[in-house]
PDB file of N, CA and C in Angstrom:
ATOM      1  N   ASP A   1      12.137  -9.017 -24.106  1.00  0.00           N
ATOM      2  CA  ASP A   1      11.660  -9.393 -25.427  1.00  0.00           C
ATOM      3  C   ASP A   1      12.810  -9.243 -26.417  1.00  0.00           C
ATOM      4  N   GLN A   2      13.104 -10.285 -27.160  1.00  0.00           N
ATOM      5  CA  GLN A   2      14.236 -10.248 -28.088  1.00  0.00           C
ATOM      6  C   GLN A   2      14.005  -9.296 -29.246  1.00  0.00           C
ATOM      7  N   LYS A   3      12.757  -9.094 -29.613  1.00  0.00           N
ATOM      8  CA  LYS A   3      12.456  -8.221 -30.744  1.00  0.00           C
ATOM      9  C   LYS A   3      12.687  -6.751 -30.394  1.00  0.00           C
ATOM     10  N   TYR A   4      12.435  -6.389 -29.134  1.00  0.00           N
ATOM     11  CA  TYR A   4      12.576  -5.000 -28.694  1.00  0.00           C
ATOM     12  C   TYR A   4      13.392  -4.948 -27.401  1.00  0.00           C
ATOM     13  N   PRO A   5      14.712  -5.085 -27.503  1.00  0.00           N
ATOM     14  CA  PRO A   5      15.539  -5.133 -26.293  1.00  0.00           C
ATOM     15  C   PRO A   5      15.437  -3.874 -25.430  1.00  0.00           C
ATOM     16  N   ILE A   6      15.187  -2.733 -26.031  1.00  0.00           N
ATOM     17  CA  ILE A   6      15.072  -1.502 -25.249  1.00  0.00           C
ATOM     18  C   ILE A   6      13.865  -1.557 -24.313  1.00  0.00           C
ATOM     19  N   VAL A   7      12.795  -2.205 -24.766  1.00  0.00           N
ATOM     20  CA  VAL A   7      11.604  -2.359 -23.929  1.00  0.00           C
ATOM     21  C   VAL A   7      11.907  -3.302 -22.766  1.00  0.00           C
ATOM     22  N   SER A   8      12.641  -4.359 -23.043  1.00  0.00           N
ATOM     23  CA  SER A   8      13.039  -5.286 -21.981  1.00  0.00           C
ATOM     24  C   SER A   8      13.911  -4.580 -20.953  1.00  0.00           C
ATOM     25  N   ALA A   9      14.839  -3.772 -21.423  1.00  0.00           N
ATOM     26  CA  ALA A   9      15.723  -3.040 -20.513  1.00  0.00           C
ATOM     27  C   ALA A   9      14.919  -2.066 -19.656  1.00  0.00           C
ATOM     28  N   ALA A  10      13.991  -1.366 -20.266  1.00  0.00           N
ATOM     29  CA  ALA A  10      13.156  -0.417 -19.518  1.00  0.00           C
ATOM     30  C   ALA A  10      12.329  -1.135 -18.459  1.00  0.00           C
ATOM     31  N   SER A  11      11.844  -2.303 -18.792  1.00  0.00           N
ATOM     32  CA  SER A  11      11.056  -3.089 -17.845  1.00  0.00           C
ATOM     33  C   SER A  11      11.891  -3.489 -16.631  1.00  0.00           C
ATOM     34  N   VAL A  12      13.114  -3.898 -16.869  1.00  0.00           N
ATOM     35  CA  VAL A  12      14.009  -4.290 -15.775  1.00  0.00           C
ATOM     36  C   VAL A  12      14.321  -3.078 -14.898  1.00  0.00           C
ATOM     37  N   ILE A  13      14.620  -1.954 -15.521  1.00  0.00           N
ATOM     38  CA  ILE A  13      14.920  -0.732 -14.766  1.00  0.00           C
ATOM     39  C   ILE A  13      13.716  -0.313 -13.928  1.00  0.00           C
ATOM     40  N   ALA A  14      12.526  -0.372 -14.510  1.00  0.00           N
ATOM     41  CA  ALA A  14      11.310  -0.002 -13.777  1.00  0.00           C
ATOM     42  C   ALA A  14      11.103  -0.910 -12.571  1.00  0.00           C
ATOM     43  N   LYS A  15      11.336  -2.198 -12.734  1.00  0.00           N
ATOM     44  CA  LYS A  15      11.158  -3.130 -11.614  1.00  0.00           C
ATOM     45  C   LYS A  15      12.167  -2.859 -10.506  1.00  0.00           C
ATOM     46  N   VAL A  16      13.402  -2.605 -10.871  1.00  0.00           N
ATOM     47  CA  VAL A  16      14.436  -2.311  -9.878  1.00  0.00           C
ATOM     48  C   VAL A  16      14.078  -1.033  -9.114  1.00  0.00           C
ATOM     49  N   GLU A  17      13.640  -0.010  -9.826  1.00  0.00           N
ATOM     50  CA  GLU A  17      13.250   1.249  -9.176  1.00  0.00           C
ATOM     51  C   GLU A  17      12.045   1.056  -8.268  1.00  0.00           C
ATOM     52  N   ARG A  18      11.063   0.302  -8.738  1.00  0.00           N
ATOM     53  CA  ARG A  18       9.878   0.034  -7.920  1.00  0.00           C
ATOM     54  C   ARG A  18      10.279  -0.692  -6.639  1.00  0.00           C
ATOM     55  N   ASP A  19      11.101  -1.716  -6.766  1.00  0.00           N
ATOM     56  CA  ASP A  19      11.546  -2.475  -5.597  1.00  0.00           C
ATOM     57  C   ASP A  19      12.288  -1.573  -4.609  1.00  0.00           C
ATOM     58  N   ARG A  20      13.071  -0.650  -5.123  1.00  0.00           N
ATOM     59  CA  ARG A  20      13.813   0.283  -4.267  1.00  0.00           C
ATOM     60  C   ARG A  20      12.844   1.195  -3.504  1.00  0.00           C
ATOM     61  N   GLU A  21      11.855   1.719  -4.203  1.00  0.00           N
ATOM     62  CA  GLU A  21      10.861   2.588  -3.564  1.00  0.00           C
ATOM     63  C   GLU A  21      10.034   1.825  -2.531  1.00  0.00           C
ATOM     64  N   ILE A  22       9.660   0.606  -2.861  1.00  0.00           N
ATOM     65  CA  ILE A  22       8.888  -0.223  -1.926  1.00  0.00           C
ATOM     66  C   ILE A  22       9.691  -0.453  -0.648  1.00  0.00           C
ATOM     67  N   GLU A  23      10.978  -0.707  -0.779  1.00  0.00           N
ATOM     68  CA  GLU A  23      11.815  -0.928   0.405  1.00  0.00           C
ATOM     69  C   GLU A  23      11.877   0.328   1.272  1.00  0.00           C
ATOM     70  N   LEU A  24      11.971   1.494   0.660  1.00  0.00           N
ATOM     71  CA  LEU A  24      11.967   2.746   1.432  1.00  0.00           C
ATOM     72  C   LEU A  24      10.644   2.921   2.177  1.00  0.00           C
ATOM     73  N   LEU A  25       9.540   2.589   1.522  1.00  0.00           N
ATOM     74  CA  LEU A  25       8.230   2.677   2.181  1.00  0.00           C
ATOM     75  C   LEU A  25       8.139   1.692   3.342  1.00  0.00           C
ATOM     76  N   ARG A  26       8.663   0.494   3.157  1.00  0.00           N
ATOM     77  CA  ARG A  26       8.652  -0.505   4.240  1.00  0.00           C
ATOM     78  C   ARG A  26       9.463  -0.015   5.440  1.00  0.00           C
ATOM     79  N   GLN A  27      10.592   0.625   5.181  1.00  0.00           N
ATOM     80  CA  GLN A  27      11.401   1.151   6.275  1.00  0.00           C
ATOM     81  C   GLN A  27      10.640   2.227   7.050  1.00  0.00           C
ATOM     82  N   GLN A  28       9.869   3.022   6.345  1.00  0.00           N
ATOM     83  CA  GLN A  28       9.142   4.115   6.986  1.00  0.00           C
ATOM     84  C   GLN A  28       7.853   3.655   7.661  1.00  0.00           C
ATOM     85  N   TYR A  29       7.102   2.747   7.021  1.00  0.00           N
ATOM     86  CA  TYR A  29       5.765   2.389   7.498  1.00  0.00           C
ATOM     87  C   TYR A  29       5.641   0.964   8.024  1.00  0.00           C
ATOM     88  N   GLY A  30       6.667   0.165   7.900  1.00  0.00           N
ATOM     89  CA  GLY A  30       6.584  -1.224   8.332  1.00  0.00           C
ATOM     90  C   GLY A  30       6.057  -2.121   7.226  1.00  0.00           C
ATOM     91  N   ASP A  31       5.838  -3.362   7.576  1.00  0.00           N
ATOM     92  CA  ASP A  31       5.409  -4.353   6.586  1.00  0.00           C
ATOM     93  C   ASP A  31       3.965  -4.117   6.178  1.00  0.00           C
ATOM     94  N   PHE A  32       3.726  -3.929   4.900  1.00  0.00           N
ATOM     95  CA  PHE A  32       2.359  -3.761   4.398  1.00  0.00           C
ATOM     96  C   PHE A  32       1.967  -4.869   3.442  1.00  0.00           C
ATOM     97  N   GLY A  33       2.716  -5.963   3.491  1.00  0.00           N
ATOM     98  CA  GLY A  33       2.378  -7.109   2.657  1.00  0.00           C
ATOM     99  C   GLY A  33       2.618  -6.839   1.188  1.00  0.00           C
ATOM    100  N   SER A  34       1.844  -7.508   0.364  1.00  0.00           N
ATOM    101  CA  SER A  34       2.016  -7.412  -1.086  1.00  0.00           C
ATOM    102  C   SER A  34       1.320  -6.199  -1.684  1.00  0.00           C
ATOM    103  N   GLY A  35       0.358  -5.652  -0.953  1.00  0.00           N
ATOM    104  CA  GLY A  35      -0.424  -4.541  -1.494  1.00  0.00           C
ATOM    105  C   GLY A  35      -1.676  -4.997  -2.211  1.00  0.00           C
ATOM    106  N   TYR A  36      -1.904  -6.292  -2.259  1.00  0.00           N
ATOM    107  CA  TYR A  36      -3.094  -6.821  -2.923  1.00  0.00           C
ATOM    108  C   TYR A  36      -4.217  -7.039  -1.914  1.00  0.00           C
ATOM    109  N   PRO A  37      -5.475  -6.901  -2.355  1.00  0.00           N
ATOM    110  CA  PRO A  37      -6.606  -7.003  -1.427  1.00  0.00           C
ATOM    111  C   PRO A  37      -6.775  -8.371  -0.787  1.00  0.00           C
ATOM    112  N   SER A  38      -6.205  -9.392  -1.374  1.00  0.00           N
ATOM    113  CA  SER A  38      -6.327 -10.736  -0.794  1.00  0.00           C
ATOM    114  C   SER A  38      -5.267 -10.997   0.276  1.00  0.00           C
ATOM    115  N   ASP A  39      -4.356 -10.053   0.466  1.00  0.00           N
ATOM    116  CA  ASP A  39      -3.267 -10.236   1.424  1.00  0.00           C
ATOM    117  C   ASP A  39      -3.676  -9.707   2.801  1.00  0.00           C
ATOM    118  N   PRO A  40      -3.810 -10.592   3.785  1.00  0.00           N
ATOM    119  CA  PRO A  40      -4.202 -10.153   5.132  1.00  0.00           C
ATOM    120  C   PRO A  40      -3.258  -9.101   5.723  1.00  0.00           C
ATOM    121  N   LYS A  41      -1.958  -9.180   5.411  1.00  0.00           N
ATOM    122  CA  LYS A  41      -1.011  -8.184   5.922  1.00  0.00           C
ATOM    123  C   LYS A  41      -1.348  -6.789   5.403  1.00  0.00           C
ATOM    124  N   THR A  42      -1.788  -6.716   4.162  1.00  0.00           N
ATOM    125  CA  THR A  42      -2.143  -5.428   3.580  1.00  0.00           C
ATOM    126  C   THR A  42      -3.354  -4.837   4.288  1.00  0.00           C
ATOM    127  N   ILE A  43      -4.351  -5.654   4.559  1.00  0.00           N
ATOM    128  CA  ILE A  43      -5.560  -5.189   5.240  1.00  0.00           C
ATOM    129  C   ILE A  43      -5.223  -4.736   6.661  1.00  0.00           C
ATOM    130  N   VAL A  44      -4.392  -5.498   7.362  1.00  0.00           N
ATOM    131  CA  VAL A  44      -3.966  -5.113   8.714  1.00  0.00           C
ATOM    132  C   VAL A  44      -3.222  -3.778   8.657  1.00  0.00           C
ATOM    133  N   PHE A  45      -2.369  -3.611   7.661  1.00  0.00           N
ATOM    134  CA  PHE A  45      -1.637  -2.354   7.502  1.00  0.00           C
ATOM    135  C   PHE A  45      -2.597  -1.181   7.352  1.00  0.00           C
ATOM    136  N   LEU A  46      -3.624  -1.333   6.514  1.00  0.00           N
ATOM    137  CA  LEU A  46      -4.579  -0.239   6.304  1.00  0.00           C
ATOM    138  C   LEU A  46      -5.208   0.193   7.629  1.00  0.00           C
ATOM    139  N   HIS A  47      -5.611  -0.767   8.425  1.00  0.00           N
ATOM    140  CA  HIS A  47      -6.222  -0.452   9.722  1.00  0.00           C
ATOM    141  C   HIS A  47      -5.202   0.176  10.678  1.00  0.00           C
ATOM    142  N   ARG A  48      -4.011  -0.384  10.695  1.00  0.00           N
ATOM    143  CA  ARG A  48      -2.974   0.105  11.614  1.00  0.00           C
ATOM    144  C   ARG A  48      -2.585   1.545  11.302  1.00  0.00           C
ATOM    145  N   ILE A  49      -2.441   1.851  10.022  1.00  0.00           N
ATOM    146  CA  ILE A  49      -2.003   3.192   9.636  1.00  0.00           C
ATOM    147  C   ILE A  49      -3.098   4.217   9.951  1.00  0.00           C
ATOM    148  N   LEU A  50      -4.356   3.811   9.794  1.00  0.00           N
ATOM    149  CA  LEU A  50      -5.462   4.714  10.143  1.00  0.00           C
ATOM    150  C   LEU A  50      -5.521   4.952  11.645  1.00  0.00           C
ATOM    151  N   GLN A  51      -5.321   3.913  12.420  1.00  0.00           N
ATOM    152  CA  GLN A  51      -5.346   4.069  13.879  1.00  0.00           C
ATOM    153  C   GLN A  51      -4.217   4.978  14.353  1.00  0.00           C
ATOM    154  N   LYS A  52      -3.080   4.871  13.704  1.00  0.00           N
ATOM    155  CA  LYS A  52      -1.913   5.642  14.136  1.00  0.00           C
ATOM    156  C   LYS A  52      -1.968   7.096  13.667  1.00  0.00           C
ATOM    157  N   TYR A  53      -2.348   7.325  12.397  1.00  0.00           N
ATOM    158  CA  TYR A  53      -2.274   8.665  11.815  1.00  0.00           C
ATOM    159  C   TYR A  53      -3.639   9.291  11.511  1.00  0.00           C
ATOM    160  N   GLY A  54      -4.684   8.462  11.474  1.00  0.00           N
ATOM    161  CA  GLY A  54      -6.010   8.983  11.153  1.00  0.00           C
ATOM    162  C   GLY A  54      -6.254   9.208   9.673  1.00  0.00           C
ATOM    163  N   LYS A  55      -5.248   8.974   8.870  1.00  0.00           N
ATOM    164  CA  LYS A  55      -5.384   9.104   7.412  1.00  0.00           C
ATOM    165  C   LYS A  55      -4.323   8.233   6.751  1.00  0.00           C
ATOM    166  N   TYR A  56      -4.489   8.063   5.455  1.00  0.00           N
ATOM    167  CA  TYR A  56      -3.537   7.248   4.700  1.00  0.00           C
ATOM    168  C   TYR A  56      -2.380   8.093   4.192  1.00  0.00           C
ATOM    169  N   PRO A  57      -1.199   7.489   4.064  1.00  0.00           N
ATOM    170  CA  PRO A  57      -0.104   8.180   3.394  1.00  0.00           C
ATOM    171  C   PRO A  57      -0.419   8.305   1.901  1.00  0.00           C
ATOM    172  N   ALA A  58       0.304   9.160   1.230  1.00  0.00           N
ATOM    173  CA  ALA A  58       0.036   9.468  -0.180  1.00  0.00           C
ATOM    174  C   ALA A  58       0.077   8.243  -1.091  1.00  0.00           C
ATOM    175  N   PHE A  59       0.870   7.242  -0.758  1.00  0.00           N
ATOM    176  CA  PHE A  59       1.011   6.105  -1.673  1.00  0.00           C
ATOM    177  C   PHE A  59      -0.163   5.131  -1.623  1.00  0.00           C
ATOM    178  N   VAL A  60      -1.055   5.260  -0.644  1.00  0.00           N
ATOM    179  CA  VAL A  60      -2.211   4.362  -0.551  1.00  0.00           C
ATOM    180  C   VAL A  60      -3.284   4.823  -1.529  1.00  0.00           C
ATOM    181  N   ARG A  61      -3.797   3.889  -2.301  1.00  0.00           N
ATOM    182  CA  ARG A  61      -4.860   4.175  -3.262  1.00  0.00           C
ATOM    183  C   ARG A  61      -6.188   4.272  -2.507  1.00  0.00           C
ATOM    184  N   LYS A  62      -6.604   5.498  -2.228  1.00  0.00           N
ATOM    185  CA  LYS A  62      -7.783   5.725  -1.392  1.00  0.00           C
ATOM    186  C   LYS A  62      -9.089   5.304  -2.057  1.00  0.00           C
ATOM    187  N   SER A  63      -9.095   5.209  -3.363  1.00  0.00           N
ATOM    188  CA  SER A  63     -10.295   4.797  -4.096  1.00  0.00           C
ATOM    189  C   SER A  63     -10.461   3.276  -4.112  1.00  0.00           C
ATOM    190  N   TRP A  64      -9.490   2.561  -3.627  1.00  0.00           N
ATOM    191  CA  TRP A  64      -9.479   1.100  -3.592  1.00  0.00           C
ATOM    192  C   TRP A  64     -10.507   0.632  -2.564  1.00  0.00           C
ATOM    193  N   LYS A  65     -11.313  -0.337  -2.915  1.00  0.00           N
ATOM    194  CA  LYS A  65     -12.406  -0.791  -2.053  1.00  0.00           C
ATOM    195  C   LYS A  65     -11.944  -1.180  -0.639  1.00  0.00           C
ATOM    196  N   PRO A  66     -10.877  -1.976  -0.469  1.00  0.00           N
ATOM    197  CA  PRO A  66     -10.437  -2.305   0.890  1.00  0.00           C
ATOM    198  C   PRO A  66     -10.008  -1.068   1.694  1.00  0.00           C
ATOM    199  N   ALA A  67      -9.435  -0.069   1.027  1.00  0.00           N
ATOM    200  CA  ALA A  67      -9.041   1.161   1.729  1.00  0.00           C
ATOM    201  C   ALA A  67     -10.271   1.926   2.189  1.00  0.00           C
ATOM    202  N   LYS A  68     -11.290   1.989   1.341  1.00  0.00           N
ATOM    203  CA  LYS A  68     -12.541   2.654   1.725  1.00  0.00           C
ATOM    204  C   LYS A  68     -13.197   1.927   2.898  1.00  0.00           C
ATOM    205  N   LYS A  69     -13.213   0.602   2.825  1.00  0.00           N
ATOM    206  CA  LYS A  69     -13.836  -0.197   3.883  1.00  0.00           C
ATOM    207  C   LYS A  69     -13.108   0.011   5.212  1.00  0.00           C
ATOM    208  N   ALA A  70     -11.790   0.001   5.187  1.00  0.00           N
ATOM    209  CA  ALA A  70     -11.016   0.213   6.413  1.00  0.00           C
ATOM    210  C   ALA A  70     -11.277   1.604   6.980  1.00  0.00           C
ATOM    211  N   MET A  71     -11.433   2.590   6.107  1.00  0.00           N
ATOM    212  CA  MET A  71     -11.713   3.955   6.555  1.00  0.00           C
ATOM    213  C   MET A  71     -13.057   4.012   7.277  1.00  0.00           C
ATOM    214  N   VAL A  72     -14.072   3.378   6.709  1.00  0.00           N
ATOM    215  CA  VAL A  72     -15.400   3.352   7.335  1.00  0.00           C
ATOM    216  C   VAL A  72     -15.323   2.645   8.684  1.00  0.00           C
ATOM    217  N   GLU A  73     -14.661   1.508   8.725  1.00  0.00           N
ATOM    218  CA  GLU A  73     -14.539   0.750   9.976  1.00  0.00           C
ATOM    219  C   GLU A  73     -13.773   1.542  11.033  1.00  0.00           C
ATOM    220  N   ASN A  74     -12.743   2.268  10.611  1.00  0.00           N
ATOM    221  CA  ASN A  74     -11.967   3.076  11.549  1.00  0.00           C
ATOM    222  C   ASN A  74     -12.823   4.208  12.123  1.00  0.00           C
ATOM    223  N   LYS A  75     -13.637   4.832  11.282  1.00  0.00           N
ATOM    224  CA  LYS A  75     -14.509   5.912  11.763  1.00  0.00           C
ATOM    225  C   LYS A  75     -15.537   5.378  12.751  1.00  0.00           C
ATOM    226  N   LYS A  76     -16.065   4.180  12.487  1.00  0.00           N
ATOM    227  CA  LYS A  76     -17.017   3.565  13.418  1.00  0.00           C
ATOM    228  C   LYS A  76     -16.344   3.299  14.761  1.00  0.00           C
ATOM    229  N   ALA A  77     -15.120   2.807  14.726  1.00  0.00           N
ATOM    230  CA  ALA A  77     -14.385   2.517  15.958  1.00  0.00           C
ATOM    231  C   ALA A  77     -14.109   3.804  16.725  1.00  0.00           C
ATOM    232  N   GLN A  78     -13.782   4.876  16.017  1.00  0.00           N
ATOM    233  CA  GLN A  78     -13.528   6.162  16.667  1.00  0.00           C
ATOM    234  C   GLN A  78     -14.795   6.699  17.320  1.00  0.00           C
ATOM    235  N   THR A  79     -15.935   6.523  16.653  1.00  0.00           N
ATOM    236  CA  THR A  79     -17.214   6.991  17.186  1.00  0.00           C
ATOM    237  C   THR A  79     -17.560   6.250  18.473  1.00  0.00           C
ATOM    238  N   LYS A  80     -17.283   4.963  18.518  1.00  0.00           N
ATOM    239  CA  LYS A  80     -17.563   4.166  19.715  1.00  0.00           C
ATOM    240  C   LYS A  80     -16.734   4.629  20.905  1.00  0.00           C
ATOM    241  N   LEU A  81     -15.553   5.165  20.645  1.00  0.00           N
ATOM    242  CA  LEU A  81     -14.681   5.618  21.726  1.00  0.00           C
ATOM    243  C   LEU A  81     -15.174   6.913  22.360  1.00  0.00           C
ATOM    244  N   MET A  82     -16.000   7.632  21.656  1.00  0.00           N
ATOM    245  CA  MET A  82     -16.481   8.928  22.168  1.00  0.00           C
ATOM    246  C   MET A  82     -17.664   8.788  23.065  1.00  0.00           C
TER     247      MET A  82
END
């Protein structure tokens, strides 16, 4: 924004930092897509991470409806295995 260049600069810095953190998460957990509920890669990631670890990593928003749904589905699948 030309009126408030400091705000524009802060926005750019925040985006660069976010992108850096996202890349570190991708290296650790693999591809999780865009993180949006309409992204099939994100939904697959939620299921995969639950199957592997039984819980979500700290960066997953557990209150998010798709995360809750995947948790319920994972518990049902675990119950069937018993």
